[in-house]
Amino acid sequence: MSIDDLPAALTSRFAEDPGLARYTAARLGGPADALIVARDTDDLEAIVTAAWGAGVPVRVLGGGANVLISDAGVDGLIVINNRTAEIVPLDATTLRVSAGTALTHLTRTCATLGLRGFEWAVAVPGTVGGAVVNNAGAHGTSMADCVVSAWVVEPSGAREWTTADLDYAYRHSALKSRADRRFLVTGATLRLTPDNPADINARMAEYNAHRKRTQPSGASLGSVFKNPPGDYAGRLIEACGLKGHTIGGAQVSPVHANFFINAGGKATAADYYTLIRHVQAVVEAQFGVRLEPEIELLGRFADA
């Protein structure tokens, strides 16, 4: 089946420019075959289920964090979840949150409500949907610490996934490991802890300051590799003398070795991919550790 097999009501909404770089945190990547910006959660679900019904490959991008899109682009339909923020308190400690809610917005809302447990995301790009799938986290805390359940749409219908269903581990969920990617997270229920808003804001300020001290500014992929058990990817990369190493326009950050930056503003996704493979090879040769990417590769890459 092809893009043209989608209903006319959807094909008429295709973006004139299907370029994806502007929708990703790294500002990299080529075009999709077709691109639609969803209006809200219901619209998002309708678009994705229509694509499944037509046999068209479809992926959803929220904040576009932790993803490297190839220069050649992506086959099929890309749907942009337009960061529709829906945060509904269910009781004194529990929130129902839409997948399109930006993590930074949710962090500030939690502080206003006097709910502790989401301060770690104060400067983390991306949306709740992606964070649920990837078990995003920082400062020793992750989504697994607050997610009660997630609402997931599949071709067979929608159902609530419990934490047991999600099978959370470090930067892992049962959803992330699914090869077919035929699912859509539309929201999650979170349970947090009451606290003094002033104390919450103080922790947020501390985490923000720490991030500015220790991580490069500007568009980046975020942490490129997962930390191996008992160690840190950044330490291993730095120990190999790779801080500042550059391939094309992509550079291992001189500030934090597990961040790659667009040093001259002209990096390509191919530069980043080649640098990723080079760093993996050097670290494995020196330490016998094969670093596992935390980011997802989307599209066609050489030897991927």
C-alpha atoms as a PDB file:
ATOM      1  CA  MET A   1       0.000   0.000   0.000  1.00  0.00           C
ATOM      2  CA  SER A   2       1.138   3.577  -0.613  1.00  0.00           C
ATOM      3  CA  ILE A   3       0.625   7.027   0.860  1.00  0.00           C
ATOM      4  CA  ASP A   4      -1.947   7.676  -1.871  1.00  0.00           C
ATOM      5  CA  ASP A   5      -4.178   4.948  -0.385  1.00  0.00           C
ATOM      6  CA  LEU A   6      -4.899   7.122   2.656  1.00  0.00           C
ATOM      7  CA  PRO A   7      -8.287   8.892   2.765  1.00  0.00           C
ATOM      8  CA  ALA A   8      -8.466  12.151   0.843  1.00  0.00           C
ATOM      9  CA  ALA A   9      -9.310  13.945   4.098  1.00  0.00           C
ATOM     10  CA  LEU A  10      -5.758  13.142   5.230  1.00  0.00           C
ATOM     11  CA  THR A  11      -3.838  13.481   1.956  1.00  0.00           C
ATOM     12  CA  SER A  12      -5.282  16.984   1.596  1.00  0.00           C
ATOM     13  CA  ARG A  13      -3.551  17.880   4.877  1.00  0.00           C
ATOM     14  CA  PHE A  14      -0.059  16.790   3.844  1.00  0.00           C
ATOM     15  CA  ALA A  15       2.497  19.505   4.587  1.00  0.00           C
ATOM     16  CA  GLU A  16       3.956  21.160   1.482  1.00  0.00           C
ATOM     17  CA  ASP A  17       7.410  20.801   3.041  1.00  0.00           C
ATOM     18  CA  PRO A  18       7.820  17.307   4.549  1.00  0.00           C
ATOM     19  CA  GLY A  19      11.285  18.141   5.956  1.00  0.00           C
ATOM     20  CA  LEU A  20      11.785  16.730   9.459  1.00  0.00           C
ATOM     21  CA  ALA A  21      14.844  18.599  10.730  1.00  0.00           C
ATOM     22  CA  ARG A  22      12.788  21.419  12.228  1.00  0.00           C
ATOM     23  CA  TYR A  23      10.773  18.909  14.261  1.00  0.00           C
ATOM     24  CA  THR A  24      13.765  17.289  15.976  1.00  0.00           C
ATOM     25  CA  ALA A  25      15.880  18.445  18.899  1.00  0.00           C
ATOM     26  CA  ALA A  26      19.049  17.861  16.852  1.00  0.00           C
ATOM     27  CA  ARG A  27      17.731  19.888  13.873  1.00  0.00           C
ATOM     28  CA  LEU A  28      18.928  17.139  11.514  1.00  0.00           C
ATOM     29  CA  GLY A  29      17.373  14.809   8.976  1.00  0.00           C
ATOM     30  CA  GLY A  30      15.750  14.639   5.574  1.00  0.00           C
ATOM     31  CA  PRO A  31      12.082  14.530   4.520  1.00  0.00           C
ATOM     32  CA  ALA A  32       9.327  12.020   5.095  1.00  0.00           C
ATOM     33  CA  ASP A  33       7.252  10.704   2.209  1.00  0.00           C
ATOM     34  CA  ALA A  34       4.409  12.659   3.802  1.00  0.00           C
ATOM     35  CA  LEU A  35       3.971  14.796   6.914  1.00  0.00           C
ATOM     36  CA  ILE A  36       0.880  15.772   8.904  1.00  0.00           C
ATOM     37  CA  VAL A  37       0.661  17.899  12.045  1.00  0.00           C
ATOM     38  CA  ALA A  38      -2.019  16.469  14.360  1.00  0.00           C
ATOM     39  CA  ARG A  39      -4.490  18.965  15.798  1.00  0.00           C
ATOM     40  CA  ASP A  40      -5.134  17.195  19.093  1.00  0.00           C
ATOM     41  CA  THR A  41      -5.067  13.732  20.695  1.00  0.00           C
ATOM     42  CA  ASP A  42      -8.233  12.529  18.979  1.00  0.00           C
ATOM     43  CA  ASP A  43      -6.929  13.702  15.606  1.00  0.00           C
ATOM     44  CA  LEU A  44      -3.598  11.994  16.263  1.00  0.00           C
ATOM     45  CA  GLU A  45      -5.308   8.681  17.004  1.00  0.00           C
ATOM     46  CA  ALA A  46      -7.508   8.962  13.909  1.00  0.00           C
ATOM     47  CA  ILE A  47      -4.527   9.630  11.618  1.00  0.00           C
ATOM     48  CA  VAL A  48      -2.454   6.764  12.984  1.00  0.00           C
ATOM     49  CA  THR A  49      -5.270   4.229  12.880  1.00  0.00           C
ATOM     50  CA  ALA A  50      -6.105   5.284   9.295  1.00  0.00           C
ATOM     51  CA  ALA A  51      -2.477   4.674   8.317  1.00  0.00           C
ATOM     52  CA  TRP A  52      -2.515   1.242   9.946  1.00  0.00           C
ATOM     53  CA  GLY A  53      -5.725   0.429   8.113  1.00  0.00           C
ATOM     54  CA  ALA A  54      -4.182   1.445   4.788  1.00  0.00           C
ATOM     55  CA  GLY A  55      -0.972  -0.482   5.465  1.00  0.00           C
ATOM     56  CA  VAL A  56       1.104   2.700   5.386  1.00  0.00           C
ATOM     57  CA  PRO A  57       4.207   2.912   7.628  1.00  0.00           C
ATOM     58  CA  VAL A  58       3.593   5.634  10.214  1.00  0.00           C
ATOM     59  CA  ARG A  59       5.599   7.164  13.056  1.00  0.00           C
ATOM     60  CA  VAL A  60       4.743   9.871  15.550  1.00  0.00           C
ATOM     61  CA  LEU A  61       7.207  12.561  16.621  1.00  0.00           C
ATOM     62  CA  GLY A  62       6.593  14.614  19.747  1.00  0.00           C
ATOM     63  CA  GLY A  63       9.496  16.817  20.809  1.00  0.00           C
ATOM     64  CA  GLY A  64      11.854  14.943  18.463  1.00  0.00           C
ATOM     65  CA  ALA A  65      14.359  14.244  21.254  1.00  0.00           C
ATOM     66  CA  ASN A  66      16.635  11.196  21.330  1.00  0.00           C
ATOM     67  CA  VAL A  67      16.164  10.481  17.635  1.00  0.00           C
ATOM     68  CA  LEU A  68      18.588  10.764  14.715  1.00  0.00           C
ATOM     69  CA  ILE A  69      16.784  10.966  11.373  1.00  0.00           C
ATOM     70  CA  SER A  70      18.811  10.041   8.312  1.00  0.00           C
ATOM     71  CA  ASP A  71      19.693  12.581   5.649  1.00  0.00           C
ATOM     72  CA  ALA A  72      17.812  10.396   3.157  1.00  0.00           C
ATOM     73  CA  GLY A  73      14.625  10.830   5.172  1.00  0.00           C
ATOM     74  CA  VAL A  74      11.985   8.364   6.307  1.00  0.00           C
ATOM     75  CA  ASP A  75       9.650   6.110   4.346  1.00  0.00           C
ATOM     76  CA  GLY A  76       5.941   6.481   5.000  1.00  0.00           C
ATOM     77  CA  LEU A  77       3.950   8.996   7.011  1.00  0.00           C
ATOM     78  CA  ILE A  78       5.282  11.073   9.896  1.00  0.00           C
ATOM     79  CA  VAL A  79       2.733  12.621  12.262  1.00  0.00           C
ATOM     80  CA  ILE A  80       3.737  15.505  14.491  1.00  0.00           C
ATOM     81  CA  ASN A  81       2.039  15.458  17.884  1.00  0.00           C
ATOM     82  CA  ASN A  82       1.614  19.190  18.250  1.00  0.00           C
ATOM     83  CA  ARG A  83       2.458  19.305  21.970  1.00  0.00           C
ATOM     84  CA  THR A  84      -1.156  19.483  23.071  1.00  0.00           C
ATOM     85  CA  ALA A  85      -0.846  19.848  26.848  1.00  0.00           C
ATOM     86  CA  GLU A  86      -3.605  18.186  28.862  1.00  0.00           C
ATOM     87  CA  ILE A  87      -2.887  17.846  32.585  1.00  0.00           C
ATOM     88  CA  VAL A  88      -5.832  16.728  34.706  1.00  0.00           C
ATOM     89  CA  PRO A  89      -5.498  16.210  38.488  1.00  0.00           C
ATOM     90  CA  LEU A  90      -7.375  13.044  39.510  1.00  0.00           C
ATOM     91  CA  ASP A  91      -6.722  13.443  43.234  1.00  0.00           C
ATOM     92  CA  ALA A  92      -4.170  15.079  45.539  1.00  0.00           C
ATOM     93  CA  THR A  93      -1.235  13.074  44.152  1.00  0.00           C
ATOM     94  CA  THR A  94      -2.327  11.710  40.763  1.00  0.00           C
ATOM     95  CA  LEU A  95      -2.348  13.367  37.337  1.00  0.00           C
ATOM     96  CA  ARG A  96      -3.590  12.218  33.956  1.00  0.00           C
ATOM     97  CA  VAL A  97      -1.357  13.726  31.269  1.00  0.00           C
ATOM     98  CA  SER A  98      -1.619  13.696  27.478  1.00  0.00           C
ATOM     99  CA  ALA A  99       1.265  12.270  25.456  1.00  0.00           C
ATOM    100  CA  GLY A 100       1.861  15.599  23.699  1.00  0.00           C
ATOM    101  CA  THR A 101       2.580  17.475  26.925  1.00  0.00           C
ATOM    102  CA  ALA A 102       6.117  18.893  26.945  1.00  0.00           C
ATOM    103  CA  LEU A 103       8.178  17.554  29.852  1.00  0.00           C
ATOM    104  CA  THR A 104       9.311  21.059  30.798  1.00  0.00           C
ATOM    105  CA  HIS A 105       5.687  22.264  30.954  1.00  0.00           C
ATOM    106  CA  LEU A 106       4.687  19.288  33.102  1.00  0.00           C
ATOM    107  CA  THR A 107       7.598  19.976  35.445  1.00  0.00           C
ATOM    108  CA  ARG A 108       6.486  23.560  36.030  1.00  0.00           C
ATOM    109  CA  THR A 109       2.861  22.483  36.505  1.00  0.00           C
ATOM    110  CA  CYS A 110       3.868  19.904  39.114  1.00  0.00           C
ATOM    111  CA  ALA A 111       5.773  22.589  41.008  1.00  0.00           C
ATOM    112  CA  THR A 112       2.734  24.879  40.955  1.00  0.00           C
ATOM    113  CA  LEU A 113       0.552  22.031  42.250  1.00  0.00           C
ATOM    114  CA  GLY A 114       3.057  21.223  45.005  1.00  0.00           C
ATOM    115  CA  LEU A 115       3.877  17.762  43.649  1.00  0.00           C
ATOM    116  CA  ARG A 116       7.407  16.396  43.954  1.00  0.00           C
ATOM    117  CA  GLY A 117       8.985  13.768  41.711  1.00  0.00           C
ATOM    118  CA  PHE A 118       9.253  15.389  38.294  1.00  0.00           C
ATOM    119  CA  GLU A 119      11.934  18.005  38.965  1.00  0.00           C
ATOM    120  CA  TRP A 120      14.487  15.940  37.014  1.00  0.00           C
ATOM    121  CA  ALA A 121      12.783  16.923  33.725  1.00  0.00           C
ATOM    122  CA  VAL A 122      13.094  20.691  34.212  1.00  0.00           C
ATOM    123  CA  ALA A 123      15.396  21.057  31.183  1.00  0.00           C
ATOM    124  CA  VAL A 124      14.788  17.781  29.364  1.00  0.00           C
ATOM    125  CA  PRO A 125      13.450  18.164  25.804  1.00  0.00           C
ATOM    126  CA  GLY A 126      10.660  15.957  24.511  1.00  0.00           C
ATOM    127  CA  THR A 127       7.132  15.014  25.446  1.00  0.00           C
ATOM    128  CA  VAL A 128       5.404  12.639  27.839  1.00  0.00           C
ATOM    129  CA  GLY A 129       4.676  10.074  25.124  1.00  0.00           C
ATOM    130  CA  GLY A 130       8.313   9.615  24.185  1.00  0.00           C
ATOM    131  CA  ALA A 131       9.366   9.676  27.833  1.00  0.00           C
ATOM    132  CA  VAL A 132       6.911   6.859  28.651  1.00  0.00           C
ATOM    133  CA  VAL A 133       8.240   4.708  25.803  1.00  0.00           C
ATOM    134  CA  ASN A 134      11.933   5.355  26.544  1.00  0.00           C
ATOM    135  CA  ASN A 135      11.686   5.467  30.350  1.00  0.00           C
ATOM    136  CA  ALA A 136      13.401   8.849  30.225  1.00  0.00           C
ATOM    137  CA  GLY A 137      15.087  10.133  33.333  1.00  0.00           C
ATOM    138  CA  ALA A 138      17.868  12.146  34.954  1.00  0.00           C
ATOM    139  CA  HIS A 139      19.435  12.740  38.362  1.00  0.00           C
ATOM    140  CA  GLY A 140      18.753   9.160  39.458  1.00  0.00           C
ATOM    141  CA  THR A 141      15.009   9.370  38.725  1.00  0.00           C
ATOM    142  CA  SER A 142      12.987   8.168  35.744  1.00  0.00           C
ATOM    143  CA  MET A 143       9.453   7.779  34.432  1.00  0.00           C
ATOM    144  CA  ALA A 144       9.308   4.345  36.060  1.00  0.00           C
ATOM    145  CA  ASP A 145       9.268   6.099  39.453  1.00  0.00           C
ATOM    146  CA  CYS A 146       6.003   7.928  38.799  1.00  0.00           C
ATOM    147  CA  VAL A 147       4.077   6.180  35.994  1.00  0.00           C
ATOM    148  CA  VAL A 148       1.023   4.298  37.237  1.00  0.00           C
ATOM    149  CA  SER A 149      -0.202   3.339  33.776  1.00  0.00           C
ATOM    150  CA  ALA A 150      -0.138   4.413  30.132  1.00  0.00           C
ATOM    151  CA  TRP A 151      -2.952   4.599  27.598  1.00  0.00           C
ATOM    152  CA  VAL A 152      -1.874   2.809  24.442  1.00  0.00           C
ATOM    153  CA  VAL A 153      -3.696   2.457  21.115  1.00  0.00           C
ATOM    154  CA  GLU A 154      -2.912  -0.580  18.975  1.00  0.00           C
ATOM    155  CA  PRO A 155      -4.499  -1.924  15.780  1.00  0.00           C
ATOM    156  CA  SER A 156      -6.649  -4.172  17.977  1.00  0.00           C
ATOM    157  CA  GLY A 157      -7.894  -1.204  20.026  1.00  0.00           C
ATOM    158  CA  ALA A 158      -6.978   0.925  23.044  1.00  0.00           C
ATOM    159  CA  ARG A 159      -6.142  -0.345  26.509  1.00  0.00           C
ATOM    160  CA  GLU A 160      -4.449   0.748  29.690  1.00  0.00           C
ATOM    161  CA  TRP A 161      -0.947  -0.638  30.208  1.00  0.00           C
ATOM    162  CA  THR A 162       0.106  -1.144  33.819  1.00  0.00           C
ATOM    163  CA  THR A 163       3.670  -0.771  35.035  1.00  0.00           C
ATOM    164  CA  ALA A 164       3.925  -4.566  34.903  1.00  0.00           C
ATOM    165  CA  ASP A 165       2.922  -4.438  31.226  1.00  0.00           C
ATOM    166  CA  LEU A 166       5.460  -1.698  30.539  1.00  0.00           C
ATOM    167  CA  ASP A 167       8.247  -3.803  32.108  1.00  0.00           C
ATOM    168  CA  TYR A 168      10.422  -0.789  32.859  1.00  0.00           C
ATOM    169  CA  ALA A 169      14.199  -1.022  33.172  1.00  0.00           C
ATOM    170  CA  TYR A 170      17.027   1.458  32.583  1.00  0.00           C
ATOM    171  CA  ARG A 171      16.042   3.387  29.409  1.00  0.00           C
ATOM    172  CA  HIS A 172      13.827   0.458  28.415  1.00  0.00           C
ATOM    173  CA  SER A 173      10.163  -0.456  28.200  1.00  0.00           C
ATOM    174  CA  ALA A 174       8.193  -3.256  26.586  1.00  0.00           C
ATOM    175  CA  LEU A 175       6.949  -0.680  24.079  1.00  0.00           C
ATOM    176  CA  LYS A 176      10.451   0.434  23.091  1.00  0.00           C
ATOM    177  CA  SER A 177      11.514  -3.138  22.348  1.00  0.00           C
ATOM    178  CA  ARG A 178       8.593  -3.794  19.990  1.00  0.00           C
ATOM    179  CA  ALA A 179       9.957  -4.155  16.473  1.00  0.00           C
ATOM    180  CA  ASP A 180       6.684  -3.439  14.657  1.00  0.00           C
ATOM    181  CA  ARG A 181       6.137  -0.018  16.333  1.00  0.00           C
ATOM    182  CA  ARG A 182       2.392  -0.430  15.744  1.00  0.00           C
ATOM    183  CA  PHE A 183       1.320   1.383  18.880  1.00  0.00           C
ATOM    184  CA  LEU A 184       0.486   4.911  19.951  1.00  0.00           C
ATOM    185  CA  VAL A 185       0.820   6.267  23.487  1.00  0.00           C
ATOM    186  CA  THR A 186      -1.933   8.840  24.001  1.00  0.00           C
ATOM    187  CA  GLY A 187      -1.395   9.594  27.689  1.00  0.00           C
ATOM    188  CA  ALA A 188      -0.263   8.419  31.087  1.00  0.00           C
ATOM    189  CA  THR A 189      -1.352   8.457  34.712  1.00  0.00           C
ATOM    190  CA  LEU A 190       1.355   9.681  37.094  1.00  0.00           C
ATOM    191  CA  ARG A 191       1.542   9.497  40.882  1.00  0.00           C
ATOM    192  CA  LEU A 192       3.710  12.052  42.668  1.00  0.00           C
ATOM    193  CA  THR A 193       4.360  13.207  46.237  1.00  0.00           C
ATOM    194  CA  PRO A 194       3.028  16.377  47.929  1.00  0.00           C
ATOM    195  CA  ASP A 195       5.742  18.867  48.858  1.00  0.00           C
ATOM    196  CA  ASN A 196       6.342  22.548  49.464  1.00  0.00           C
ATOM    197  CA  PRO A 197       6.409  24.375  46.093  1.00  0.00           C
ATOM    198  CA  ALA A 198       9.370  26.476  47.270  1.00  0.00           C
ATOM    199  CA  ASP A 199      11.419  23.325  47.934  1.00  0.00           C
ATOM    200  CA  ILE A 200      10.402  21.880  44.564  1.00  0.00           C
ATOM    201  CA  ASN A 201      11.431  25.059  42.760  1.00  0.00           C
ATOM    202  CA  ALA A 202      14.761  25.076  44.597  1.00  0.00           C
ATOM    203  CA  ARG A 203      15.533  21.544  43.358  1.00  0.00           C
ATOM    204  CA  MET A 204      14.506  22.542  39.840  1.00  0.00           C
ATOM    205  CA  ALA A 205      16.878  25.511  39.951  1.00  0.00           C
ATOM    206  CA  GLU A 206      19.676  23.245  41.203  1.00  0.00           C
ATOM    207  CA  TYR A 207      19.118  20.704  38.409  1.00  0.00           C
ATOM    208  CA  ASN A 208      18.936  23.460  35.817  1.00  0.00           C
ATOM    209  CA  ALA A 209      22.201  24.968  37.008  1.00  0.00           C
ATOM    210  CA  HIS A 210      23.867  21.545  36.999  1.00  0.00           C
ATOM    211  CA  ARG A 211      22.743  20.916  33.429  1.00  0.00           C
ATOM    212  CA  LYS A 212      24.120  24.278  32.271  1.00  0.00           C
ATOM    213  CA  ARG A 213      27.473  23.562  33.968  1.00  0.00           C
ATOM    214  CA  THR A 214      27.924  20.036  32.692  1.00  0.00           C
ATOM    215  CA  GLN A 215      26.191  19.808  29.303  1.00  0.00           C
ATOM    216  CA  PRO A 216      26.705  21.708  26.050  1.00  0.00           C
ATOM    217  CA  SER A 217      24.157  24.309  25.033  1.00  0.00           C
ATOM    218  CA  GLY A 218      22.275  24.393  21.739  1.00  0.00           C
ATOM    219  CA  ALA A 219      20.666  21.710  19.621  1.00  0.00           C
ATOM    220  CA  SER A 220      21.984  18.218  20.285  1.00  0.00           C
ATOM    221  CA  LEU A 221      20.900  14.600  20.411  1.00  0.00           C
ATOM    222  CA  GLY A 222      21.024  14.548  24.209  1.00  0.00           C
ATOM    223  CA  SER A 223      22.882  11.630  25.769  1.00  0.00           C
ATOM    224  CA  VAL A 224      24.106   9.530  22.849  1.00  0.00           C
ATOM    225  CA  PHE A 225      24.840   6.281  24.715  1.00  0.00           C
ATOM    226  CA  LYS A 226      23.329   4.445  27.655  1.00  0.00           C
ATOM    227  CA  ASN A 227      25.554   4.137  30.694  1.00  0.00           C
ATOM    228  CA  PRO A 228      26.961   0.597  30.883  1.00  0.00           C
ATOM    229  CA  PRO A 229      26.428  -1.255  34.188  1.00  0.00           C
ATOM    230  CA  GLY A 230      28.597   0.219  36.922  1.00  0.00           C
ATOM    231  CA  ASP A 231      30.138   2.900  34.730  1.00  0.00           C
ATOM    232  CA  TYR A 232      29.421   6.014  32.663  1.00  0.00           C
ATOM    233  CA  ALA A 233      29.546   6.297  28.897  1.00  0.00           C
ATOM    234  CA  GLY A 234      30.978   9.809  29.146  1.00  0.00           C
ATOM    235  CA  ARG A 235      33.852   8.625  31.358  1.00  0.00           C
ATOM    236  CA  LEU A 236      34.791   5.834  28.952  1.00  0.00           C
ATOM    237  CA  ILE A 237      34.691   8.131  25.916  1.00  0.00           C
ATOM    238  CA  GLU A 238      36.783  10.782  27.674  1.00  0.00           C
ATOM    239  CA  ALA A 239      39.280   8.145  28.874  1.00  0.00           C
ATOM    240  CA  CYS A 240      39.809   7.207  25.218  1.00  0.00           C
ATOM    241  CA  GLY A 241      40.878  10.779  24.492  1.00  0.00           C
ATOM    242  CA  LEU A 242      37.853  11.415  22.292  1.00  0.00           C
ATOM    243  CA  LYS A 243      36.620  14.682  23.793  1.00  0.00           C
ATOM    244  CA  GLY A 244      36.596  17.172  20.944  1.00  0.00           C
ATOM    245  CA  HIS A 245      37.014  14.478  18.280  1.00  0.00           C
ATOM    246  CA  THR A 246      35.309  15.635  15.095  1.00  0.00           C
ATOM    247  CA  ILE A 247      33.979  13.896  12.004  1.00  0.00           C
ATOM    248  CA  GLY A 248      32.574  16.237   9.385  1.00  0.00           C
ATOM    249  CA  GLY A 249      30.501  18.743  11.329  1.00  0.00           C
ATOM    250  CA  ALA A 250      29.795  16.448  14.314  1.00  0.00           C
ATOM    251  CA  GLN A 251      31.970  16.709  17.400  1.00  0.00           C
ATOM    252  CA  VAL A 252      32.245  14.881  20.717  1.00  0.00           C
ATOM    253  CA  SER A 253      31.484  17.742  23.093  1.00  0.00           C
ATOM    254  CA  PRO A 254      34.502  19.146  24.950  1.00  0.00           C
ATOM    255  CA  VAL A 255      32.103  19.780  27.857  1.00  0.00           C
ATOM    256  CA  HIS A 256      30.526  16.303  28.194  1.00  0.00           C
ATOM    257  CA  ALA A 257      31.806  13.370  26.135  1.00  0.00           C
ATOM    258  CA  ASN A 258      28.413  11.639  25.920  1.00  0.00           C
ATOM    259  CA  PHE A 259      26.977  14.602  24.000  1.00  0.00           C
ATOM    260  CA  PHE A 260      27.723  15.203  20.318  1.00  0.00           C
ATOM    261  CA  ILE A 261      27.355  18.714  18.962  1.00  0.00           C
ATOM    262  CA  ASN A 262      27.023  20.423  15.585  1.00  0.00           C
ATOM    263  CA  ALA A 263      30.324  22.263  15.903  1.00  0.00           C
ATOM    264  CA  GLY A 264      30.228  24.327  12.731  1.00  0.00           C
ATOM    265  CA  GLY A 265      26.496  24.409  12.146  1.00  0.00           C
ATOM    266  CA  LYS A 266      26.847  22.242   9.035  1.00  0.00           C
ATOM    267  CA  ALA A 267      26.772  18.705  10.439  1.00  0.00           C
ATOM    268  CA  THR A 268      24.750  16.022   8.700  1.00  0.00           C
ATOM    269  CA  ALA A 269      23.039  12.995  10.163  1.00  0.00           C
ATOM    270  CA  ALA A 270      25.679  10.916   8.362  1.00  0.00           C
ATOM    271  CA  ASP A 271      28.409  12.803  10.282  1.00  0.00           C
ATOM    272  CA  TYR A 272      26.699  12.009  13.580  1.00  0.00           C
ATOM    273  CA  TYR A 273      26.173   8.369  12.633  1.00  0.00           C
ATOM    274  CA  THR A 274      29.813   7.936  11.574  1.00  0.00           C
ATOM    275  CA  LEU A 275      30.970   9.555  14.828  1.00  0.00           C
ATOM    276  CA  ILE A 276      28.713   7.235  16.843  1.00  0.00           C
ATOM    277  CA  ARG A 277      30.187   4.157  15.158  1.00  0.00           C
ATOM    278  CA  HIS A 278      33.740   5.469  15.588  1.00  0.00           C
ATOM    279  CA  VAL A 279      33.284   6.120  19.304  1.00  0.00           C
ATOM    280  CA  GLN A 280      31.752   2.669  19.771  1.00  0.00           C
ATOM    281  CA  ALA A 281      34.709   1.032  18.029  1.00  0.00           C
ATOM    282  CA  VAL A 282      37.376   2.944  19.975  1.00  0.00           C
ATOM    283  CA  VAL A 283      35.750   2.347  23.391  1.00  0.00           C
ATOM    284  CA  GLU A 284      35.240  -1.348  22.630  1.00  0.00           C
ATOM    285  CA  ALA A 285      38.851  -1.756  21.488  1.00  0.00           C
ATOM    286  CA  GLN A 286      40.252  -0.043  24.591  1.00  0.00           C
ATOM    287  CA  PHE A 287      37.868  -1.240  27.308  1.00  0.00           C
ATOM    288  CA  GLY A 288      36.004  -4.225  25.834  1.00  0.00           C
ATOM    289  CA  VAL A 289      32.685  -2.424  26.358  1.00  0.00           C
ATOM    290  CA  ARG A 290      30.235  -2.039  23.487  1.00  0.00           C
ATOM    291  CA  LEU A 291      28.337   1.183  24.141  1.00  0.00           C
ATOM    292  CA  GLU A 292      24.628   0.910  23.350  1.00  0.00           C
ATOM    293  CA  PRO A 293      22.999   3.978  21.771  1.00  0.00           C
ATOM    294  CA  GLU A 294      20.330   5.691  23.845  1.00  0.00           C
ATOM    295  CA  ILE A 295      19.114   7.487  20.737  1.00  0.00           C
ATOM    296  CA  GLU A 296      16.970   5.879  18.043  1.00  0.00           C
ATOM    297  CA  LEU A 297      18.021   5.783  14.398  1.00  0.00           C
ATOM    298  CA  LEU A 298      15.120   6.590  12.100  1.00  0.00           C
ATOM    299  CA  GLY A 299      15.447   6.141   8.355  1.00  0.00           C
ATOM    300  CA  ARG A 300      18.168   4.592   6.238  1.00  0.00           C
ATOM    301  CA  PHE A 301      21.795   4.581   7.455  1.00  0.00           C
ATOM    302  CA  ALA A 302      24.775   2.781   5.944  1.00  0.00           C
ATOM    303  CA  ASP A 303      25.365  -0.620   7.644  1.00  0.00           C
ATOM    304  CA  ALA A 304      22.641   0.076  10.262  1.00  0.00           C
END
